[in-house]
């Protein structure tokens, strides 16, 4: 799940297309910072998965909105 989330957050489209390798690195770093921050705050691992799922859903929504504006 984290690998897919890093790619989506990094800007690579879920419907195919091009992306930059450094976007994936930035997405992975973002997820690592979020995960570490939630661990420090003492958030349960179940809630961490929910939060990461919401982040993925938002990234896909933003991607779809961007594609709709291009067409």
Protein backbone atom coordinates (compact mmCIF):
# COMPACT_ATOMS: atom_id res chain seq x y z
CA UNK A 1 0.00 0.00 0.00
CA UNK A 2 2.81 2.41 0.82
CA UNK A 3 4.49 1.90 -2.56
CA UNK A 4 1.29 2.66 -4.46
CA UNK A 5 0.59 5.64 -2.22
CA UNK A 6 4.09 7.05 -2.80
CA UNK A 7 3.66 6.80 -6.56
CA UNK A 8 0.21 8.42 -6.51
CA UNK A 9 1.28 11.20 -4.16
CA UNK A 10 4.38 11.71 -6.30
CA UNK A 11 2.20 12.69 -9.22
CA UNK A 12 2.10 9.63 -11.45
CA UNK A 13 -1.38 9.17 -12.85
CA UNK A 14 -3.37 6.08 -11.90
CA UNK A 15 -4.88 6.01 -15.39
CA UNK A 16 -1.48 5.74 -17.04
CA UNK A 17 0.84 8.34 -18.37
CA UNK A 18 4.15 9.85 -17.50
CA UNK A 19 5.65 10.94 -14.25
CA UNK A 20 8.98 11.93 -12.83
CA UNK A 21 11.14 9.65 -10.71
CA UNK A 22 11.77 12.38 -8.16
CA UNK A 23 8.02 12.72 -7.60
CA UNK A 24 7.95 9.15 -6.33
CA UNK A 25 10.87 9.92 -3.98
CA UNK A 26 9.04 12.98 -2.66
CA UNK A 27 5.87 10.93 -2.19
CA UNK A 28 7.78 8.26 -0.25
CA UNK A 29 9.41 10.88 1.97
CA UNK A 30 6.03 12.50 2.59
CA UNK A 31 4.54 9.18 3.68
CA UNK A 32 7.53 8.45 5.91
CA UNK A 33 7.19 11.84 7.63
CA UNK A 34 3.44 11.32 8.11
CA UNK A 35 3.99 7.80 9.48
CA UNK A 36 6.72 8.91 11.88
CA UNK A 37 4.68 11.88 13.03
CA UNK A 38 1.68 9.70 13.75
CA UNK A 39 3.89 7.24 15.64
CA UNK A 40 5.29 10.06 17.77
CA UNK A 41 1.77 11.26 18.51
CA UNK A 42 0.81 7.74 19.58
CA UNK A 43 -1.85 7.18 16.92
CA UNK A 44 -3.00 3.57 16.59
CA UNK A 45 -1.75 1.66 13.53
CA UNK A 46 -5.35 1.09 12.44
CA UNK A 47 -6.00 4.83 12.31
CA UNK A 48 -2.69 5.35 10.51
CA UNK A 49 -3.88 3.06 7.72
CA UNK A 50 -7.15 5.00 7.51
CA UNK A 51 -5.28 8.30 7.31
CA UNK A 52 -2.99 6.95 4.57
CA UNK A 53 -6.04 5.69 2.68
CA UNK A 54 -7.63 9.13 2.86
CA UNK A 55 -4.40 10.67 1.57
CA UNK A 56 -4.41 8.25 -1.38
CA UNK A 57 -8.08 9.01 -2.12
CA UNK A 58 -7.38 12.75 -2.10
CA UNK A 59 -4.37 12.32 -4.41
CA UNK A 60 -6.43 10.27 -6.90
CA UNK A 61 -9.25 12.84 -6.74
CA UNK A 62 -6.84 15.69 -7.46
CA UNK A 63 -5.36 13.69 -10.36
CA UNK A 64 -8.80 13.06 -11.86
CA UNK A 65 -9.81 16.71 -11.48
CA UNK A 66 -6.62 17.78 -13.23
CA UNK A 67 -7.28 15.41 -16.14
CA UNK A 68 -10.87 16.63 -16.45
CA UNK A 69 -9.69 20.24 -16.75
CA UNK A 70 -7.19 19.29 -19.47
CA UNK A 71 -9.89 17.78 -21.67
